[in-house]
C-alpha cells in the first residue's frame, strides 16, 4: 500500500479507464490494515487483544526497552478513535453516516502520522515482547515487506500504457495553457 502511495506521489494523476487494479489494491490493503488494527487494539474484555496481553503480563511488559507510558497513552487514544470507525463504518454501518462515511473519519480525527506512529509502536512492542517470551532475536527485517516489486510493476504498467500517468510537470504545463 505504501509503495503504491509512493508511486502515486510522483505524479499528479494515476488512473485507468474504469477501476484501476492498483487503486482497488491500495484501498483493499488500507481496509485490511485498519480492520486488523481495530481487532488488535479492541478493548473487548472477552478478546485476546494487545490490551489483554499487556494486562496479563504487565510485569514483563514493563521490563521491555520499548515500554513507555506516554506511547501507551497515545495508543489508548488511537484505540478510542478506531473504535468510532469500527462502530460507525468499518464493522458496522451506522444509519446516521451511511451516506457520508467520510464524516466518521473526520469525527475520529485520525491523522496519517498518528496511525503510522501508533502501528509502528505496536509492532515494535509486540516484536520485543515476542522475542522476550520465546527467547528469540527476530528483527523487523524478518517481517517487513518494502514493496519494491510493486514500484517496478507500476512503472511497467505506465510504460505499457496500462495505466494513464500524467507527470506533475506536464500537469503544471497544462494548467498554465
N, C-alpha and C. Protein backbone atom coordinates (compact mmCIF):
# COMPACT_ATOMS: atom_id res chain seq x y z
N UNK A 1 0.82 -1.18 0.00
CA UNK A 1 0.00 0.00 0.00
C UNK A 1 0.87 1.26 0.00
N UNK A 2 1.88 1.26 0.84
CA UNK A 2 2.77 2.42 0.92
C UNK A 2 3.56 2.57 -0.37
N UNK A 3 3.95 1.45 -0.99
CA UNK A 3 4.68 1.52 -2.26
C UNK A 3 3.79 2.15 -3.34
N UNK A 4 2.53 1.77 -3.38
CA UNK A 4 1.61 2.35 -4.36
C UNK A 4 1.45 3.84 -4.09
N UNK A 5 1.32 4.21 -2.82
CA UNK A 5 1.19 5.63 -2.48
C UNK A 5 2.46 6.40 -2.85
N UNK A 6 3.64 5.78 -2.67
CA UNK A 6 4.89 6.43 -3.07
C UNK A 6 4.90 6.70 -4.57
N UNK A 7 4.45 5.72 -5.35
CA UNK A 7 4.41 5.88 -6.80
C UNK A 7 3.44 7.00 -7.18
N UNK A 8 2.26 6.99 -6.60
CA UNK A 8 1.25 7.99 -6.91
C UNK A 8 1.77 9.38 -6.55
N UNK A 9 2.52 9.50 -5.48
CA UNK A 9 3.04 10.79 -5.04
C UNK A 9 3.98 11.42 -6.08
N UNK A 10 4.55 10.59 -6.96
CA UNK A 10 5.44 11.11 -8.01
C UNK A 10 4.67 11.81 -9.12
N UNK A 11 3.39 11.53 -9.23
CA UNK A 11 2.60 12.01 -10.33
C UNK A 11 1.38 12.76 -9.82
N UNK A 12 0.84 13.62 -10.68
CA UNK A 12 -0.37 14.36 -10.31
C UNK A 12 -1.59 13.45 -10.36
N UNK A 13 -1.63 12.61 -11.40
CA UNK A 13 -2.80 11.77 -11.61
C UNK A 13 -2.35 10.39 -12.07
N UNK A 14 -2.86 9.35 -11.45
CA UNK A 14 -2.62 7.99 -11.89
C UNK A 14 -4.00 7.37 -12.05
N UNK A 15 -4.36 7.01 -13.28
CA UNK A 15 -5.71 6.50 -13.46
C UNK A 15 -5.76 5.46 -14.56
N UNK A 16 -6.86 4.79 -14.65
CA UNK A 16 -7.13 3.78 -15.65
C UNK A 16 -8.61 3.92 -15.98
N UNK A 17 -8.96 3.66 -17.24
CA UNK A 17 -10.37 3.72 -17.59
C UNK A 17 -11.09 2.63 -16.79
N UNK A 18 -12.11 3.01 -16.08
CA UNK A 18 -12.78 2.08 -15.17
C UNK A 18 -12.01 2.04 -13.86
N UNK A 19 -12.14 0.96 -13.17
CA UNK A 19 -11.47 0.83 -11.87
C UNK A 19 -10.03 0.37 -12.09
N UNK A 20 -9.11 1.04 -11.44
CA UNK A 20 -7.70 0.68 -11.54
C UNK A 20 -7.39 -0.44 -10.55
N UNK A 21 -6.73 -1.48 -11.04
CA UNK A 21 -6.31 -2.57 -10.17
C UNK A 21 -5.49 -2.06 -9.01
N UNK A 22 -4.61 -1.09 -9.28
CA UNK A 22 -3.73 -0.59 -8.24
C UNK A 22 -4.48 0.25 -7.22
N UNK A 23 -5.45 1.01 -7.65
CA UNK A 23 -6.27 1.81 -6.72
C UNK A 23 -7.11 0.88 -5.85
N UNK A 24 -7.71 -0.12 -6.48
CA UNK A 24 -8.50 -1.10 -5.73
C UNK A 24 -7.61 -1.84 -4.74
N UNK A 25 -6.42 -2.22 -5.16
CA UNK A 25 -5.47 -2.90 -4.28
C UNK A 25 -5.09 -2.03 -3.09
N UNK A 26 -4.80 -0.76 -3.37
CA UNK A 26 -4.42 0.17 -2.30
C UNK A 26 -5.55 0.30 -1.28
N UNK A 27 -6.78 0.45 -1.79
CA UNK A 27 -7.93 0.57 -0.88
C UNK A 27 -8.16 -0.71 -0.08
N UNK A 28 -8.00 -1.86 -0.74
CA UNK A 28 -8.19 -3.13 -0.04
C UNK A 28 -7.13 -3.32 1.04
N UNK A 29 -5.89 -2.97 0.73
CA UNK A 29 -4.82 -3.10 1.72
C UNK A 29 -5.04 -2.14 2.89
N UNK A 30 -5.50 -0.93 2.59
CA UNK A 30 -5.80 0.03 3.66
C UNK A 30 -6.91 -0.52 4.56
N UNK A 31 -7.99 -1.00 3.94
CA UNK A 31 -9.11 -1.53 4.73
C UNK A 31 -8.68 -2.72 5.58
N UNK A 32 -7.83 -3.58 5.02
CA UNK A 32 -7.35 -4.73 5.78
C UNK A 32 -6.47 -4.29 6.94
N UNK A 33 -5.62 -3.30 6.70
CA UNK A 33 -4.76 -2.78 7.77
C UNK A 33 -5.62 -2.19 8.89
N UNK A 34 -6.62 -1.40 8.52
CA UNK A 34 -7.49 -0.78 9.53
C UNK A 34 -8.26 -1.85 10.29
N UNK A 35 -8.79 -2.85 9.57
CA UNK A 35 -9.54 -3.92 10.23
C UNK A 35 -8.67 -4.65 11.25
N UNK A 36 -7.44 -4.95 10.88
CA UNK A 36 -6.55 -5.64 11.81
C UNK A 36 -6.16 -4.75 12.98
N UNK A 37 -5.91 -3.48 12.71
CA UNK A 37 -5.59 -2.55 13.81
C UNK A 37 -6.76 -2.48 14.78
N UNK A 38 -7.97 -2.40 14.26
CA UNK A 38 -9.16 -2.35 15.11
C UNK A 38 -9.24 -3.62 15.97
N UNK A 39 -9.03 -4.78 15.36
CA UNK A 39 -9.11 -6.04 16.10
C UNK A 39 -8.01 -6.16 17.16
N UNK A 40 -6.79 -5.82 16.78
CA UNK A 40 -5.66 -5.96 17.70
C UNK A 40 -5.78 -4.99 18.87
N UNK A 41 -6.33 -3.81 18.63
CA UNK A 41 -6.43 -2.79 19.68
C UNK A 41 -7.79 -2.75 20.39
N UNK A 42 -8.69 -3.64 20.03
CA UNK A 42 -10.01 -3.66 20.64
C UNK A 42 -9.91 -3.87 22.15
N UNK A 43 -10.78 -3.23 22.89
CA UNK A 43 -10.77 -3.37 24.35
C UNK A 43 -11.90 -4.28 24.84
N UNK A 44 -12.38 -5.15 23.99
CA UNK A 44 -13.40 -6.12 24.37
C UNK A 44 -12.83 -7.05 25.44
N UNK A 45 -13.51 -7.15 26.57
CA UNK A 45 -12.99 -7.94 27.70
C UNK A 45 -12.91 -9.44 27.39
N UNK A 46 -13.57 -9.89 26.34
CA UNK A 46 -13.56 -11.32 26.01
C UNK A 46 -12.57 -11.67 24.90
N UNK A 47 -11.78 -10.70 24.46
CA UNK A 47 -10.85 -10.93 23.35
C UNK A 47 -9.40 -10.87 23.81
N UNK A 48 -8.57 -11.67 23.15
CA UNK A 48 -7.13 -11.67 23.45
C UNK A 48 -6.43 -10.67 22.55
N UNK A 49 -6.58 -9.40 22.86
CA UNK A 49 -6.02 -8.32 22.07
C UNK A 49 -4.74 -7.82 22.72
N UNK A 50 -4.15 -6.78 22.14
CA UNK A 50 -2.95 -6.17 22.72
C UNK A 50 -3.17 -5.78 24.18
N UNK A 51 -4.32 -5.17 24.46
CA UNK A 51 -4.58 -4.69 25.82
C UNK A 51 -4.70 -5.85 26.79
N UNK A 52 -5.26 -6.98 26.35
CA UNK A 52 -5.34 -8.18 27.18
C UNK A 52 -3.95 -8.72 27.48
N UNK A 53 -3.12 -8.78 26.44
CA UNK A 53 -1.74 -9.27 26.62
C UNK A 53 -0.99 -8.37 27.59
N UNK A 54 -1.14 -7.07 27.41
CA UNK A 54 -0.46 -6.10 28.28
C UNK A 54 -0.91 -6.29 29.73
N UNK A 55 -2.20 -6.43 29.94
CA UNK A 55 -2.74 -6.58 31.30
C UNK A 55 -2.34 -7.92 31.92
N UNK A 56 -2.30 -8.97 31.10
CA UNK A 56 -1.99 -10.31 31.59
C UNK A 56 -0.58 -10.42 32.13
N UNK A 57 0.37 -9.77 31.46
CA UNK A 57 1.76 -9.86 31.91
C UNK A 57 2.38 -8.47 31.96
N UNK A 58 1.77 -7.60 32.76
CA UNK A 58 2.21 -6.22 32.87
C UNK A 58 3.63 -6.12 33.42
N UNK A 59 3.99 -7.02 34.33
CA UNK A 59 5.34 -7.00 34.90
C UNK A 59 6.38 -7.21 33.82
N UNK A 60 6.17 -8.19 32.97
CA UNK A 60 7.10 -8.45 31.87
C UNK A 60 7.10 -7.27 30.90
N UNK A 61 5.93 -6.77 30.58
CA UNK A 61 5.83 -5.65 29.63
C UNK A 61 6.63 -4.44 30.10
N UNK A 62 6.59 -4.17 31.39
CA UNK A 62 7.28 -3.00 31.93
C UNK A 62 8.81 -3.15 31.90
N UNK A 63 9.30 -4.37 31.70
CA UNK A 63 10.75 -4.58 31.60
C UNK A 63 11.28 -4.37 30.18
N UNK A 64 10.38 -4.26 29.22
CA UNK A 64 10.81 -4.10 27.83
C UNK A 64 11.44 -2.73 27.62
N UNK A 65 12.46 -2.68 26.78
CA UNK A 65 13.13 -1.41 26.47
C UNK A 65 12.15 -0.42 25.84
N UNK A 66 11.22 -0.92 25.06
CA UNK A 66 10.30 -0.05 24.33
C UNK A 66 9.15 0.44 25.20
N UNK A 67 8.98 -0.11 26.38
CA UNK A 67 7.84 0.25 27.23
C UNK A 67 7.85 1.75 27.53
N UNK A 68 6.70 2.39 27.30
CA UNK A 68 6.57 3.83 27.54
C UNK A 68 5.13 4.14 27.90
N UNK A 69 4.92 4.68 29.08
CA UNK A 69 3.57 5.08 29.50
C UNK A 69 2.99 6.09 28.51
N UNK A 70 3.83 7.01 28.05
CA UNK A 70 3.38 8.05 27.12
C UNK A 70 2.91 7.43 25.80
N UNK A 71 3.71 6.49 25.26
CA UNK A 71 3.34 5.83 24.00
C UNK A 71 2.09 4.98 24.17
N UNK A 72 1.96 4.34 25.34
CA UNK A 72 0.77 3.54 25.59
C UNK A 72 -0.47 4.42 25.69
N UNK A 73 -0.33 5.62 26.24
CA UNK A 73 -1.45 6.56 26.29
C UNK A 73 -1.84 6.99 24.88
N UNK A 74 -0.84 7.23 24.03
CA UNK A 74 -1.14 7.58 22.64
C UNK A 74 -1.85 6.43 21.93
N UNK A 75 -1.42 5.20 22.22
CA UNK A 75 -2.06 4.02 21.65
C UNK A 75 -3.49 3.87 22.17
N UNK A 76 -3.68 4.18 23.44
CA UNK A 76 -5.02 4.16 24.03
C UNK A 76 -5.93 5.17 23.32
N UNK A 77 -5.42 6.37 23.05
CA UNK A 77 -6.19 7.40 22.34
C UNK A 77 -6.53 6.95 20.92
N UNK A 78 -5.56 6.33 20.25
CA UNK A 78 -5.80 5.80 18.91
C UNK A 78 -6.86 4.70 18.96
N UNK A 79 -6.82 3.88 19.99
CA UNK A 79 -7.81 2.81 20.16
C UNK A 79 -9.22 3.38 20.23
N UNK A 80 -9.39 4.45 20.98
CA UNK A 80 -10.72 5.08 21.09
C UNK A 80 -11.19 5.61 19.74
N UNK A 81 -10.28 6.21 19.00
CA UNK A 81 -10.63 6.75 17.69
C UNK A 81 -10.99 5.63 16.70
N UNK A 82 -10.22 4.55 16.75
CA UNK A 82 -10.51 3.42 15.86
C UNK A 82 -11.84 2.75 16.22
N UNK A 83 -12.21 2.79 17.49
CA UNK A 83 -13.50 2.22 17.90
C UNK A 83 -14.64 2.97 17.24
N UNK A 84 -14.52 4.28 17.13
CA UNK A 84 -15.54 5.07 16.44
C UNK A 84 -15.67 4.62 14.98
N UNK A 85 -14.53 4.43 14.33
CA UNK A 85 -14.54 3.95 12.94
C UNK A 85 -15.16 2.57 12.88
N UNK A 86 -14.78 1.71 13.81
CA UNK A 86 -15.31 0.34 13.87
C UNK A 86 -16.83 0.36 14.00
N UNK A 87 -17.32 1.16 14.94
CA UNK A 87 -18.75 1.14 15.26
C UNK A 87 -19.62 1.85 14.23
N UNK A 88 -19.04 2.75 13.44
CA UNK A 88 -19.89 3.54 12.55
C UNK A 88 -19.70 3.26 11.06
N UNK A 89 -18.58 2.64 10.68
CA UNK A 89 -18.41 2.44 9.24
C UNK A 89 -17.63 1.18 8.87
N UNK A 90 -16.72 0.72 9.71
CA UNK A 90 -15.87 -0.37 9.26
C UNK A 90 -16.48 -1.75 9.50
N UNK A 91 -16.90 -2.02 10.71
CA UNK A 91 -17.52 -3.33 11.00
C UNK A 91 -19.03 -3.22 11.13
N UNK A 92 -19.50 -2.03 11.40
CA UNK A 92 -20.94 -1.76 11.49
C UNK A 92 -21.22 -0.55 10.60
N UNK A 93 -22.40 -0.49 10.05
CA UNK A 93 -22.75 0.66 9.23
C UNK A 93 -23.81 1.46 9.99
N UNK A 94 -23.40 2.63 10.43
CA UNK A 94 -24.26 3.50 11.20
C UNK A 94 -25.31 4.14 10.29
N UNK A 95 -26.55 4.15 10.74
CA UNK A 95 -27.64 4.74 9.95
C UNK A 95 -27.42 6.22 9.68
N UNK A 96 -26.83 6.89 10.65
CA UNK A 96 -26.63 8.34 10.53
C UNK A 96 -25.55 8.69 9.49
N UNK A 97 -24.57 7.82 9.35
CA UNK A 97 -23.43 8.17 8.49
C UNK A 97 -23.31 7.30 7.24
N UNK A 98 -24.31 6.49 6.96
CA UNK A 98 -24.23 5.57 5.83
C UNK A 98 -24.01 6.31 4.51
N UNK A 99 -24.56 7.50 4.39
CA UNK A 99 -24.41 8.25 3.14
C UNK A 99 -23.16 9.13 3.13
N UNK A 100 -22.48 9.22 4.27
CA UNK A 100 -21.30 10.06 4.36
C UNK A 100 -20.28 9.44 5.32
N UNK A 101 -19.69 8.33 4.88
CA UNK A 101 -18.72 7.64 5.76
C UNK A 101 -17.49 8.49 6.02
N UNK A 102 -17.20 9.43 5.14
CA UNK A 102 -16.03 10.29 5.38
C UNK A 102 -16.23 11.15 6.62
N UNK A 103 -17.49 11.41 7.00
CA UNK A 103 -17.74 12.18 8.22
C UNK A 103 -17.29 11.41 9.46
N UNK A 104 -17.37 10.08 9.39
CA UNK A 104 -16.91 9.26 10.52
C UNK A 104 -15.41 9.42 10.70
N UNK A 105 -14.68 9.38 9.59
CA UNK A 105 -13.23 9.54 9.65
C UNK A 105 -12.88 10.95 10.13
N UNK A 106 -13.66 11.91 9.71
CA UNK A 106 -13.44 13.29 10.16
C UNK A 106 -13.67 13.39 11.67
N UNK A 107 -14.75 12.78 12.15
CA UNK A 107 -15.04 12.80 13.59
C UNK A 107 -13.97 12.03 14.39
N UNK A 108 -13.48 10.93 13.82
CA UNK A 108 -12.45 10.14 14.51
C UNK A 108 -11.15 10.93 14.61
N UNK A 109 -10.90 11.79 13.64
CA UNK A 109 -9.73 12.68 13.67
C UNK A 109 -8.42 11.91 13.83
N UNK A 110 -8.24 10.90 12.97
CA UNK A 110 -7.01 10.11 12.98
C UNK A 110 -6.11 10.62 11.86
N UNK A 111 -4.97 11.17 12.22
CA UNK A 111 -4.04 11.62 11.18
C UNK A 111 -3.21 10.43 10.71
N UNK A 112 -2.69 10.56 9.50
CA UNK A 112 -1.82 9.51 8.97
C UNK A 112 -0.60 9.31 9.86
N UNK A 113 -0.05 10.41 10.36
CA UNK A 113 1.12 10.31 11.25
C UNK A 113 0.78 9.60 12.55
N UNK A 114 -0.38 9.91 13.10
CA UNK A 114 -0.81 9.27 14.35
C UNK A 114 -1.01 7.77 14.15
N UNK A 115 -1.67 7.41 13.06
CA UNK A 115 -1.91 5.99 12.76
C UNK A 115 -0.58 5.27 12.54
N UNK A 116 0.27 5.87 11.73
CA UNK A 116 1.57 5.27 11.44
C UNK A 116 2.41 5.10 12.71
N UNK A 117 2.50 6.14 13.52
CA UNK A 117 3.28 6.07 14.76
C UNK A 117 2.71 5.03 15.71
N UNK A 118 1.39 4.98 15.82
CA UNK A 118 0.76 4.00 16.70
C UNK A 118 1.02 2.57 16.27
N UNK A 119 0.88 2.32 14.96
CA UNK A 119 1.10 0.96 14.46
C UNK A 119 2.57 0.57 14.54
N UNK A 120 3.46 1.53 14.30
CA UNK A 120 4.90 1.25 14.45
C UNK A 120 5.24 0.87 15.89
N UNK A 121 4.73 1.64 16.84
CA UNK A 121 4.99 1.34 18.25
C UNK A 121 4.40 -0.02 18.62
N UNK A 122 3.18 -0.27 18.20
CA UNK A 122 2.53 -1.54 18.48
C UNK A 122 3.36 -2.70 17.93
N UNK A 123 3.81 -2.57 16.68
CA UNK A 123 4.62 -3.62 16.06
C UNK A 123 5.91 -3.85 16.84
N UNK A 124 6.62 -2.78 17.14
CA UNK A 124 7.90 -2.89 17.86
C UNK A 124 7.69 -3.47 19.25
N UNK A 125 6.63 -3.05 19.93
CA UNK A 125 6.33 -3.55 21.26
C UNK A 125 6.08 -5.05 21.22
N UNK A 126 5.19 -5.47 20.32
CA UNK A 126 4.85 -6.89 20.24
C UNK A 126 6.03 -7.73 19.77
N UNK A 127 6.87 -7.19 18.90
CA UNK A 127 8.06 -7.91 18.46
C UNK A 127 9.02 -8.11 19.63
N UNK A 128 9.26 -7.05 20.39
CA UNK A 128 10.16 -7.18 21.54
C UNK A 128 9.58 -8.14 22.58
N UNK A 129 8.29 -8.06 22.81
CA UNK A 129 7.64 -8.97 23.76
C UNK A 129 7.75 -10.41 23.28
N UNK A 130 7.50 -10.64 21.99
CA UNK A 130 7.60 -11.99 21.43
C UNK A 130 9.03 -12.52 21.59
N UNK A 131 10.02 -11.68 21.29
CA UNK A 131 11.41 -12.10 21.45
C UNK A 131 11.71 -12.46 22.89
N UNK A 132 11.17 -11.69 23.82
CA UNK A 132 11.39 -11.95 25.24
C UNK A 132 10.73 -13.26 25.67
N UNK A 133 9.49 -13.47 25.27
CA UNK A 133 8.75 -14.67 25.66
C UNK A 133 9.39 -15.93 25.08
N UNK A 134 9.79 -15.88 23.80
CA UNK A 134 10.32 -17.07 23.14
C UNK A 134 11.85 -17.11 23.10
N UNK A 135 12.48 -16.15 23.78
CA UNK A 135 13.94 -16.08 23.83
C UNK A 135 14.54 -16.11 22.41
N UNK A 136 14.02 -15.22 21.56
CA UNK A 136 14.48 -15.12 20.18
C UNK A 136 15.04 -13.73 19.92
N UNK A 137 15.59 -13.55 18.74
CA UNK A 137 16.17 -12.26 18.37
C UNK A 137 15.67 -11.82 16.99
N UNK A 138 14.39 -12.05 16.71
CA UNK A 138 13.83 -11.63 15.42
C UNK A 138 13.85 -10.11 15.34
N UNK A 139 14.05 -9.61 14.15
CA UNK A 139 14.02 -8.16 13.95
C UNK A 139 12.89 -7.82 13.00
N UNK A 140 12.63 -6.53 12.85
CA UNK A 140 11.58 -6.10 11.95
C UNK A 140 11.87 -6.54 10.52
N UNK A 141 13.15 -6.75 10.18
CA UNK A 141 13.51 -7.20 8.83
C UNK A 141 12.98 -8.59 8.54
N UNK A 142 12.67 -9.38 9.58
CA UNK A 142 12.09 -10.69 9.38
C UNK A 142 10.62 -10.60 8.94
N UNK A 143 10.02 -9.42 9.11
CA UNK A 143 8.58 -9.30 8.90
C UNK A 143 8.17 -8.27 7.88
N UNK A 144 9.02 -7.29 7.59
CA UNK A 144 8.58 -6.18 6.76
C UNK A 144 8.86 -6.41 5.28
N UNK A 145 7.87 -6.06 4.49
CA UNK A 145 7.93 -6.12 3.03
C UNK A 145 7.99 -4.68 2.55
N UNK A 146 8.95 -4.36 1.72
CA UNK A 146 9.17 -2.97 1.33
C UNK A 146 8.41 -2.56 0.06
N UNK A 147 7.93 -3.48 -0.71
CA UNK A 147 7.12 -3.15 -1.89
C UNK A 147 7.90 -2.70 -3.11
N UNK A 148 9.20 -2.96 -3.15
CA UNK A 148 10.00 -2.54 -4.30
C UNK A 148 9.49 -3.15 -5.61
N UNK A 149 9.00 -4.38 -5.56
CA UNK A 149 8.48 -5.02 -6.76
C UNK A 149 7.21 -4.32 -7.25
N UNK A 150 6.43 -3.75 -6.34
CA UNK A 150 5.21 -3.03 -6.73
C UNK A 150 5.58 -1.79 -7.53
N UNK A 151 6.60 -1.07 -7.10
CA UNK A 151 7.05 0.11 -7.84
C UNK A 151 7.42 -0.30 -9.26
N UNK A 152 8.15 -1.39 -9.41
CA UNK A 152 8.54 -1.87 -10.75
C UNK A 152 7.31 -2.24 -11.58
N UNK A 153 6.33 -2.91 -10.97
CA UNK A 153 5.09 -3.26 -11.68
C UNK A 153 4.35 -2.00 -12.14
N UNK A 154 4.31 -1.00 -11.29
CA UNK A 154 3.66 0.26 -11.66
C UNK A 154 4.39 0.96 -12.81
N UNK A 155 5.71 0.94 -12.75
CA UNK A 155 6.49 1.53 -13.85
C UNK A 155 6.23 0.78 -15.16
N UNK A 156 6.17 -0.55 -15.10
CA UNK A 156 5.88 -1.35 -16.30
C UNK A 156 4.47 -1.05 -16.82
N UNK A 157 3.50 -0.92 -15.91
CA UNK A 157 2.13 -0.59 -16.32
C UNK A 157 2.09 0.77 -16.99
N UNK A 158 2.87 1.71 -16.48
CA UNK A 158 2.95 3.04 -17.08
C UNK A 158 3.59 2.96 -18.47
N UNK A 159 4.72 2.27 -18.58
CA UNK A 159 5.44 2.16 -19.85
C UNK A 159 4.60 1.48 -20.93
N UNK A 160 3.74 0.56 -20.53
CA UNK A 160 2.93 -0.19 -21.49
C UNK A 160 1.52 0.36 -21.63
N UNK A 161 1.31 1.58 -21.15
CA UNK A 161 0.01 2.26 -21.26
C UNK A 161 -1.14 1.48 -20.64
N UNK A 162 -0.86 0.73 -19.61
CA UNK A 162 -1.92 0.02 -18.89
C UNK A 162 -2.60 0.98 -17.92
N UNK A 163 -1.82 1.89 -17.37
CA UNK A 163 -2.39 2.96 -16.55
C UNK A 163 -1.98 4.28 -17.17
N UNK A 164 -2.86 5.24 -17.08
CA UNK A 164 -2.58 6.58 -17.59
C UNK A 164 -1.89 7.35 -16.47
N UNK A 165 -0.76 7.90 -16.78
CA UNK A 165 0.00 8.64 -15.78
C UNK A 165 0.32 10.01 -16.35
N UNK A 166 -0.03 11.02 -15.61
CA UNK A 166 0.31 12.39 -16.01
C UNK A 166 1.32 12.91 -15.00
N UNK A 167 2.50 13.21 -15.47
CA UNK A 167 3.54 13.69 -14.58
C UNK A 167 3.22 15.09 -14.09
N UNK A 168 3.66 15.42 -12.90
CA UNK A 168 3.37 16.73 -12.30
C UNK A 168 3.81 17.88 -13.19
N UNK A 169 4.97 17.74 -13.82
CA UNK A 169 5.44 18.83 -14.69
C UNK A 169 4.49 19.05 -15.86
N UNK A 170 3.96 17.98 -16.41
CA UNK A 170 3.01 18.09 -17.53
C UNK A 170 1.69 18.70 -17.06
N UNK A 171 1.26 18.37 -15.85
CA UNK A 171 0.02 18.94 -15.31
C UNK A 171 0.17 20.45 -15.13
N UNK A 172 1.34 20.87 -14.66
CA UNK A 172 1.58 22.30 -14.48
C UNK A 172 1.55 23.02 -15.82
N UNK A 173 2.12 22.40 -16.84
CA UNK A 173 2.13 23.00 -18.19
C UNK A 173 0.70 23.10 -18.72
N UNK A 174 -0.10 22.02 -18.51
CA UNK A 174 -1.50 22.03 -18.97
C UNK A 174 -2.30 23.11 -18.24
N UNK A 175 -2.04 23.27 -16.96
CA UNK A 175 -2.77 24.26 -16.16
C UNK A 175 -2.41 25.67 -16.60
N UNK A 176 -1.16 25.86 -17.04
CA UNK A 176 -0.70 27.18 -17.45
C UNK A 176 -1.20 27.60 -18.82
N UNK A 177 -1.60 26.64 -19.66
CA UNK A 177 -2.01 27.00 -21.04
C UNK A 177 -3.49 27.24 -21.16
